[in-house]
């Protein structure tokens, strides 16, 4: 499975992946998912929001146990973020069948659409729409860098954009959702564990900073006469790092758009996107407010206008303690070293579909060790032995939740 998925959407230049929503690479990933599901006798369907589901048993019976993740990527992303969870879900089903486990509840594998938000700038679009956390009107306003709207992209890919919207009936079928994911950090590497259980997802969001100045000639305009928006933007990037360090949070300007974007032109607009996360809401608020305050001060000194727009926000997600504790007991009982070692429980600053669904469905997450701690990069990595340990752990969890 892993080898068959690896070539899809891979850039020869960077070695990373460009599997963006509703593109050719995304379509290939969807065909791959359906082929894997049908090879295992699962019934596949695509819901109104473009998420793919593969079912064993009748999902209408309710109390279904579902696992899965996503197959799309960030620009030049790694091979594991998302796909490891989907591959492991199918592999866990294979493992349960090898054990002779008998399912007493409907079982499903899901591939959520547009989790990374690489094309339209909003993460977890498929799960947000399904859970009613993104309105149809706001979804229709989403556009990519070429001005293509989400409805246009969906229609070009053969999906009906007029059908999107909340899907409470589907969510009501699910009794538990468990997502396996490569760890996006080094906590497991430090602790020496192959697999961990998620405790919570930090609150996080994305803010757009629009610095508006005046376009002019780079070679004829005196420095004193310039209204250059690049200067306050650059100072705001430095302020974000400083304020994050002071508060103990995270702040990153990782995307920028410049107009008119000429080498010999002073920009008229510099648009930067701030990604900020923290272990608690108070810290996140402190970081973002301090960054915005600094940005406004720098913009005023430069004679530049500034608009700040919050494009997305996800509050802290504290996974259901009962489900988390049940999973931990299952994994602790199966620890192979015989020394009574417990599976670590750790928080994460990364957002996931499991976090979006948690308001509607009991959810939990498993993490697989990433020795480099690198994610959203071609250097993202997990050893084969650890991936196998993740599959076995997921199979143990699913067996406890869905089998007799």
Protein backbone atom coordinates (compact mmCIF):
# COMPACT_ATOMS: atom_id res chain seq x y z
CA UNK A 1 0.00 0.00 0.00
CA UNK A 2 2.68 2.48 1.04
CA UNK A 3 4.73 2.00 -2.13
CA UNK A 4 1.67 2.33 -4.37
CA UNK A 5 0.74 5.68 -2.79
CA UNK A 6 4.20 7.26 -2.71
CA UNK A 7 4.45 8.42 -6.36
CA UNK A 8 1.13 10.32 -6.35
CA UNK A 9 1.62 14.09 -6.33
CA UNK A 10 5.34 13.91 -5.62
CA UNK A 11 7.52 16.76 -6.91
CA UNK A 12 10.71 15.65 -8.63
CA UNK A 13 12.28 19.00 -7.84
CA UNK A 14 11.71 19.06 -4.07
CA UNK A 15 10.96 15.44 -3.24
CA UNK A 16 7.88 16.72 -1.38
CA UNK A 17 4.20 16.31 -2.12
CA UNK A 18 1.70 18.66 -3.75
CA UNK A 19 -1.57 16.88 -3.22
CA UNK A 20 -3.89 19.88 -3.15
CA UNK A 21 -7.66 19.69 -2.86
CA UNK A 22 -9.66 19.05 -6.02
CA UNK A 23 -6.60 18.74 -8.28
CA UNK A 24 -5.37 15.86 -10.42
CA UNK A 25 -3.17 14.56 -7.60
CA UNK A 26 -6.15 14.65 -5.24
CA UNK A 27 -8.22 12.68 -7.75
CA UNK A 28 -5.48 10.04 -7.97
CA UNK A 29 -5.41 9.76 -4.19
CA UNK A 30 -9.17 9.28 -4.17
CA UNK A 31 -8.93 6.51 -6.76
CA UNK A 32 -6.21 4.87 -4.65
CA UNK A 33 -8.47 5.01 -1.56
CA UNK A 34 -11.39 3.46 -3.40
CA UNK A 35 -9.22 0.70 -4.85
CA UNK A 36 -7.82 -0.20 -1.43
CA UNK A 37 -11.30 -0.25 0.08
CA UNK A 38 -12.85 -2.34 -2.67
CA UNK A 39 -9.96 -4.80 -2.56
CA UNK A 40 -11.01 -5.48 1.05
CA UNK A 41 -14.69 -5.83 0.25
CA UNK A 42 -15.64 -2.46 1.73
CA UNK A 43 -18.48 -0.36 0.33
CA UNK A 44 -17.27 3.12 -0.65
CA UNK A 45 -19.12 6.42 -0.84
CA UNK A 46 -18.29 10.11 -1.14
CA UNK A 47 -20.37 12.37 1.08
CA UNK A 48 -21.85 15.76 0.23
CA UNK A 49 -18.65 17.53 1.34
CA UNK A 50 -16.22 15.41 -0.63
CA UNK A 51 -15.05 13.14 2.18
CA UNK A 52 -14.58 9.48 1.24
CA UNK A 53 -15.91 6.65 3.40
CA UNK A 54 -15.35 2.90 3.20
CA UNK A 55 -17.71 0.70 5.20
CA UNK A 56 -17.75 -2.80 6.61
CA UNK A 57 -21.25 -3.50 7.87
CA UNK A 58 -24.23 -1.17 7.73
CA UNK A 59 -23.34 2.36 8.89
CA UNK A 60 -27.05 3.14 9.26
CA UNK A 61 -27.10 0.74 12.21
CA UNK A 62 -25.29 3.43 14.25
CA UNK A 63 -22.55 3.28 16.88
CA UNK A 64 -19.99 2.77 14.11
CA UNK A 65 -16.27 2.76 14.88
CA UNK A 66 -14.38 4.84 12.31
CA UNK A 67 -10.69 5.44 11.72
CA UNK A 68 -8.72 7.27 9.04
CA UNK A 69 -7.15 10.64 8.30
CA UNK A 70 -6.43 12.56 5.06
CA UNK A 71 -4.39 12.20 1.88
CA UNK A 72 -3.85 15.84 0.85
CA UNK A 73 -0.64 17.71 1.68
CA UNK A 74 0.86 21.10 2.38
CA UNK A 75 3.08 22.52 -0.39
CA UNK A 76 6.09 20.19 -0.65
CA UNK A 77 4.91 18.26 2.38
CA UNK A 78 6.11 14.92 3.66
CA UNK A 79 4.90 11.41 2.92
CA UNK A 80 3.53 10.62 6.38
CA UNK A 81 1.29 13.51 7.50
CA UNK A 82 -2.19 12.19 6.79
CA UNK A 83 -1.40 9.21 4.55
CA UNK A 84 0.14 7.21 7.42
CA UNK A 85 -3.22 7.28 9.16
CA UNK A 86 -5.13 6.12 6.09
CA UNK A 87 -2.65 3.37 5.19
CA UNK A 88 -2.55 2.22 8.82
CA UNK A 89 -6.35 2.06 8.93
CA UNK A 90 -6.50 -0.41 6.06
CA UNK A 91 -3.53 -2.33 7.48
CA UNK A 92 -5.21 -2.52 10.90
CA UNK A 93 -8.27 -4.05 9.25
CA UNK A 94 -5.99 -6.61 7.60
CA UNK A 95 -4.44 -7.35 11.00
CA UNK A 96 -7.83 -7.81 12.66
CA UNK A 97 -8.90 -10.23 9.96
CA UNK A 98 -5.65 -12.13 10.42
CA UNK A 99 -6.48 -12.43 14.13
CA UNK A 100 -9.95 -13.72 13.31
CA UNK A 101 -11.65 -10.81 15.05
CA UNK A 102 -15.41 -10.59 14.59
CA UNK A 103 -16.89 -7.11 14.17
CA UNK A 104 -19.95 -6.45 16.29
CA UNK A 105 -20.30 -2.83 15.18
CA UNK A 106 -20.13 -1.16 11.77
CA UNK A 107 -16.57 -0.23 10.87
CA UNK A 108 -15.42 2.58 8.61
CA UNK A 109 -12.29 4.13 7.13
CA UNK A 110 -12.43 7.79 6.10
CA UNK A 111 -10.33 10.08 3.93
CA UNK A 112 -11.25 13.64 4.85
CA UNK A 113 -10.97 16.20 2.05
CA UNK A 114 -8.81 19.32 2.13
CA UNK A 115 -7.45 18.85 5.65
CA UNK A 116 -4.29 20.88 5.14
CA UNK A 117 -5.94 23.92 3.57
CA UNK A 118 -3.02 24.32 1.17
CA UNK A 119 -5.13 25.47 -1.76
CA UNK A 120 -7.88 27.62 -0.22
CA UNK A 121 -6.17 28.76 2.98
CA UNK A 122 -8.53 27.10 5.47
CA UNK A 123 -7.64 23.83 7.17
CA UNK A 124 -10.03 20.88 7.63
CA UNK A 125 -12.61 22.10 5.11
CA UNK A 126 -14.19 18.65 4.65
CA UNK A 127 -14.63 17.93 8.34
CA UNK A 128 -15.56 21.54 9.20
CA UNK A 129 -18.40 21.49 6.66
CA UNK A 130 -19.61 18.12 7.91
CA UNK A 131 -19.58 19.25 11.55
CA UNK A 132 -21.27 22.56 10.73
CA UNK A 133 -18.22 24.59 11.76
CA UNK A 134 -17.93 26.20 8.30
CA UNK A 135 -20.98 27.77 6.73
CA UNK A 136 -21.88 27.13 3.12
CA UNK A 137 -21.65 30.86 2.42
CA UNK A 138 -18.13 31.10 3.85
CA UNK A 139 -17.06 27.97 1.98
CA UNK A 140 -18.31 29.41 -1.30
CA UNK A 141 -16.20 32.51 -0.70
CA UNK A 142 -12.96 30.53 -0.46
CA UNK A 143 -10.55 31.10 -3.35
CA UNK A 144 -7.12 29.79 -4.27
CA UNK A 145 -4.13 31.83 -5.37
CA UNK A 146 -5.37 31.88 -8.96
CA UNK A 147 -8.78 33.19 -7.99
CA UNK A 148 -10.55 29.86 -8.49
CA UNK A 149 -13.36 29.47 -5.98
CA UNK A 150 -13.98 26.31 -4.00
CA UNK A 151 -17.28 25.65 -5.83
CA UNK A 152 -15.54 26.04 -9.19
CA UNK A 153 -12.78 23.63 -8.17
CA UNK A 154 -15.24 21.07 -6.84
CA UNK A 155 -17.40 21.26 -9.96
CA UNK A 156 -14.34 20.87 -12.22
CA UNK A 157 -13.47 17.73 -10.27
CA UNK A 158 -16.96 16.30 -10.78
CA UNK A 159 -18.43 17.07 -7.35
CA UNK A 160 -21.61 19.06 -6.80
CA UNK A 161 -20.74 22.23 -4.82
CA UNK A 162 -24.41 22.98 -4.18
CA UNK A 163 -24.66 19.87 -2.02
CA UNK A 164 -22.11 20.89 0.62
CA UNK A 165 -23.16 21.65 4.17
CA UNK A 166 -23.65 20.23 7.67
CA UNK A 167 -24.18 16.47 7.84
CA UNK A 168 -25.44 15.68 11.34
CA UNK A 169 -27.17 12.49 10.20
CA UNK A 170 -23.84 11.03 9.10
CA UNK A 171 -22.08 12.05 12.30
CA UNK A 172 -24.89 10.52 14.36
CA UNK A 173 -23.93 7.12 12.96
CA UNK A 174 -20.46 7.28 14.53
CA UNK A 175 -19.89 6.00 18.06
CA UNK A 176 -16.15 6.64 18.08
CA UNK A 177 -13.51 8.06 15.74
CA UNK A 178 -9.81 7.23 16.19
CA UNK A 179 -7.17 8.96 14.06
CA UNK A 180 -3.60 7.71 13.83
CA UNK A 181 -1.01 10.32 12.87
CA UNK A 182 2.73 10.69 12.68
CA UNK A 183 3.92 12.78 15.61
CA UNK A 184 4.77 16.34 14.63
CA UNK A 185 7.47 16.79 17.22
CA UNK A 186 9.98 14.67 19.16
CA UNK A 187 8.23 13.84 22.44
CA UNK A 188 8.04 10.11 21.64
CA UNK A 189 11.62 10.03 20.46
CA UNK A 190 12.71 11.60 23.74
CA UNK A 191 10.62 9.18 25.81
CA UNK A 192 11.72 6.16 23.78
CA UNK A 193 8.19 5.11 22.82
CA UNK A 194 6.98 4.06 19.38
CA UNK A 195 3.34 5.04 20.00
CA UNK A 196 1.54 7.61 22.15
CA UNK A 197 -2.00 8.74 22.88
CA UNK A 198 -3.17 12.33 22.38
CA UNK A 199 -4.45 14.28 25.37
CA UNK A 200 -5.46 17.54 23.70
CA UNK A 201 -4.95 19.81 20.68
CA UNK A 202 -3.76 23.31 21.48
CA UNK A 203 -5.97 26.25 20.50
CA UNK A 204 -4.75 27.70 17.22
CA UNK A 205 -5.71 29.94 14.35
CA UNK A 206 -4.69 31.88 11.26
CA UNK A 207 -4.70 35.66 10.93
CA UNK A 208 -4.19 37.67 7.71
CA UNK A 209 -2.22 40.91 7.99
CA UNK A 210 -2.73 43.31 5.05
CA UNK A 211 -0.15 46.12 4.98
CA UNK A 212 -1.20 48.69 2.35
CA UNK A 213 1.26 51.29 1.17
CA UNK A 214 2.00 53.02 -2.13
CA UNK A 215 3.58 51.44 -5.18
CA UNK A 216 6.45 53.44 -6.66
CA UNK A 217 9.73 53.18 -8.54
CA UNK A 218 12.52 51.54 -6.54
CA UNK A 219 15.19 53.56 -8.30
CA UNK A 220 13.71 57.07 -8.26
CA UNK A 221 11.74 57.34 -5.01
CA UNK A 222 13.61 58.84 -2.07
CA UNK A 223 13.60 56.75 1.11
CA UNK A 224 11.96 59.62 2.96
CA UNK A 225 9.09 59.70 0.42
CA UNK A 226 8.25 56.02 0.55
CA UNK A 227 5.21 54.30 2.03
CA UNK A 228 6.73 50.84 1.86
CA UNK A 229 4.55 48.11 3.45
CA UNK A 230 7.41 45.62 3.39
CA UNK A 231 9.13 47.41 6.28
CA UNK A 232 6.35 47.09 8.88
CA UNK A 233 5.70 43.55 7.67
CA UNK A 234 9.34 42.60 8.27
CA UNK A 235 9.28 44.23 11.69
CA UNK A 236 6.07 42.35 12.51
CA UNK A 237 7.69 39.02 11.65
CA UNK A 238 10.44 39.77 14.16
CA UNK A 239 7.87 40.93 16.71
CA UNK A 240 5.94 37.67 16.33
CA UNK A 241 9.01 35.64 17.20
CA UNK A 242 9.80 37.88 20.17
CA UNK A 243 6.24 37.86 21.58
CA UNK A 244 5.94 34.08 21.19
CA UNK A 245 9.16 33.57 23.13
CA UNK A 246 8.02 35.93 25.89
CA UNK A 247 4.60 34.29 26.30
CA UNK A 248 5.64 30.68 25.76
CA UNK A 249 3.53 30.18 22.64
CA UNK A 250 4.19 29.77 18.92
CA UNK A 251 3.86 32.33 16.11
CA UNK A 252 4.84 31.88 12.49
CA UNK A 253 4.55 33.98 9.35
CA UNK A 254 4.93 31.25 6.74
CA UNK A 255 3.08 32.68 3.74
CA UNK A 256 3.34 36.05 2.01
CA UNK A 257 1.83 37.71 -1.06
CA UNK A 258 3.22 40.93 -2.52
CA UNK A 259 1.76 43.34 -5.06
CA UNK A 260 2.85 44.28 -7.64
CA UNK A 261 5.68 41.84 -6.82
CA UNK A 262 8.35 43.45 -8.98
CA UNK A 263 12.06 43.55 -8.24
CA UNK A 264 12.28 47.24 -9.08
CA UNK A 265 8.95 48.27 -7.53
CA UNK A 266 8.08 49.38 -4.02
CA UNK A 267 5.09 47.21 -3.03
CA UNK A 268 1.59 48.59 -2.71
CA UNK A 269 0.46 45.61 -0.65
CA UNK A 270 2.20 43.05 1.53
CA UNK A 271 -0.14 40.36 2.79
CA UNK A 272 1.20 37.95 5.39
CA UNK A 273 -0.48 35.08 7.22
CA UNK A 274 0.19 34.50 10.89
CA UNK A 275 -0.19 31.00 12.33
CA UNK A 276 -0.27 31.09 16.13
CA UNK A 277 -0.73 28.31 18.69
CA UNK A 278 -0.36 27.87 22.43
CA UNK A 279 -1.07 25.38 25.17
CA UNK A 280 -3.96 27.48 26.49
CA UNK A 281 -6.31 30.21 25.29
CA UNK A 282 -4.90 32.97 27.49
CA UNK A 283 -1.40 32.48 26.11
CA UNK A 284 -2.67 32.39 22.53
CA UNK A 285 -4.62 35.61 23.04
CA UNK A 286 -1.58 37.29 24.58
CA UNK A 287 0.64 36.37 21.63
CA UNK A 288 -1.79 37.40 18.89
CA UNK A 289 -2.78 40.66 20.61
CA UNK A 290 0.86 41.60 21.13
CA UNK A 291 1.73 40.83 17.51
CA UNK A 292 -1.18 42.92 16.23
CA UNK A 293 -0.26 45.81 18.55
CA UNK A 294 3.33 45.78 17.28
CA UNK A 295 2.15 45.56 13.67
CA UNK A 296 -0.08 48.61 14.06
CA UNK A 297 2.71 50.62 15.65
CA UNK A 298 5.16 49.74 12.87
CA UNK A 299 2.55 50.43 10.17
CA UNK A 300 1.74 53.85 11.61
CA UNK A 301 5.41 54.86 11.69
CA UNK A 302 5.80 53.82 8.05
CA UNK A 303 2.66 55.66 6.91
CA UNK A 304 1.07 52.34 5.96
CA UNK A 305 -2.51 51.14 6.51
CA UNK A 306 -3.14 47.81 8.20
CA UNK A 307 -6.10 45.41 8.25
CA UNK A 308 -6.04 42.26 10.38
CA UNK A 309 -8.55 39.50 9.66
CA UNK A 310 -8.94 36.25 11.60
CA UNK A 311 -9.45 33.66 8.89
CA UNK A 312 -9.79 30.56 11.08
CA UNK A 313 -9.73 29.57 14.71
CA UNK A 314 -9.99 26.31 16.63
CA UNK A 315 -10.34 26.38 20.42
CA UNK A 316 -8.56 23.90 22.65
CA UNK A 317 -9.69 20.31 22.03
CA UNK A 318 -9.57 18.12 25.10
CA UNK A 319 -10.24 14.60 23.83
CA UNK A 320 -12.93 12.63 25.64
CA UNK A 321 -11.31 11.34 28.80
CA UNK A 322 -13.35 8.15 28.91
CA UNK A 323 -12.37 7.10 25.38
CA UNK A 324 -8.78 8.24 25.85
CA UNK A 325 -8.45 6.30 29.10
CA UNK A 326 -10.04 3.20 27.58
CA UNK A 327 -7.55 3.32 24.72
CA UNK A 328 -4.65 3.81 27.08
CA UNK A 329 -5.72 0.81 29.18
CA UNK A 330 -5.95 -1.29 26.02
CA UNK A 331 -2.47 -0.30 24.91
CA UNK A 332 -0.95 -0.60 28.38
CA UNK A 333 -2.26 -4.16 28.60
CA UNK A 334 -0.62 -4.98 25.30
CA UNK A 335 2.80 -3.49 26.07
CA UNK A 336 5.27 -6.13 24.81
CA UNK A 337 8.17 -5.40 27.17
CA UNK A 338 6.45 -6.91 30.21
CA UNK A 339 7.77 -4.19 32.52
CA UNK A 340 4.47 -2.49 33.17
CA UNK A 341 5.41 0.45 31.00
CA UNK A 342 2.54 2.81 30.26
CA UNK A 343 1.82 4.41 26.91
CA UNK A 344 2.61 8.14 27.06
CA UNK A 345 -0.14 10.73 26.76
CA UNK A 346 0.87 13.96 25.04
CA UNK A 347 -0.63 17.17 23.72
CA UNK A 348 -0.03 18.61 20.28
CA UNK A 349 0.02 22.02 18.65
CA UNK A 350 -1.13 20.63 15.30
CA UNK A 351 -4.75 20.68 14.17
CA UNK A 352 -6.50 17.54 12.93
CA UNK A 353 -9.87 16.36 11.65
CA UNK A 354 -10.26 14.49 14.95
CA UNK A 355 -10.20 17.85 16.69
CA UNK A 356 -12.96 19.21 14.47
CA UNK A 357 -15.16 16.14 14.99
CA UNK A 358 -14.63 16.10 18.75
CA UNK A 359 -17.51 18.53 19.32
CA UNK A 360 -19.91 16.05 17.70
CA UNK A 361 -18.37 12.60 18.13
CA UNK A 362 -16.19 10.88 20.78
CA UNK A 363 -12.70 11.11 19.24
CA UNK A 364 -9.18 10.03 20.09
CA UNK A 365 -5.75 10.07 18.45
CA UNK A 366 -2.68 7.87 18.35
CA UNK A 367 0.76 9.21 17.44
CA UNK A 368 3.64 7.30 15.85
CA UNK A 369 7.20 8.31 16.68
CA UNK A 370 8.95 10.75 14.36
CA UNK A 371 12.68 10.66 15.23
CA UNK A 372 13.47 13.89 13.41
CA UNK A 373 10.55 15.85 14.80
CA UNK A 374 10.22 17.38 11.33
CA UNK A 375 6.82 17.64 9.67
CA UNK A 376 5.31 19.49 6.70
CA UNK A 377 8.61 18.82 4.93
CA UNK A 378 10.08 16.09 2.72
CA UNK A 379 12.32 15.26 5.71
CA UNK A 380 9.29 14.01 7.66
CA UNK A 381 9.95 10.41 8.69
CA UNK A 382 8.85 7.40 10.70
CA UNK A 383 10.74 4.11 10.84
CA UNK A 384 9.06 1.03 9.40
CA UNK A 385 9.15 -0.80 12.76
CA UNK A 386 7.40 2.14 14.42
CA UNK A 387 4.79 2.27 11.66
CA UNK A 388 4.11 -1.44 12.20
CA UNK A 389 3.84 -0.80 15.95
CA UNK A 390 1.31 1.92 15.14
CA UNK A 391 -0.75 -0.48 13.02
CA UNK A 392 -0.77 -3.07 15.79
CA UNK A 393 -1.72 -0.45 18.38
CA UNK A 394 -4.53 0.82 16.16
CA UNK A 395 -5.73 -2.76 15.59
CA UNK A 396 -5.74 -3.35 19.36
CA UNK A 397 -7.81 -0.21 19.88
CA UNK A 398 -10.27 -1.03 17.11
CA UNK A 399 -10.63 -4.59 18.34
CA UNK A 400 -11.54 -3.31 21.78
CA UNK A 401 -14.05 -0.82 20.40
CA UNK A 402 -15.67 -2.71 17.51
CA UNK A 403 -15.11 -6.46 17.90
CA UNK A 404 -16.27 -9.25 20.16
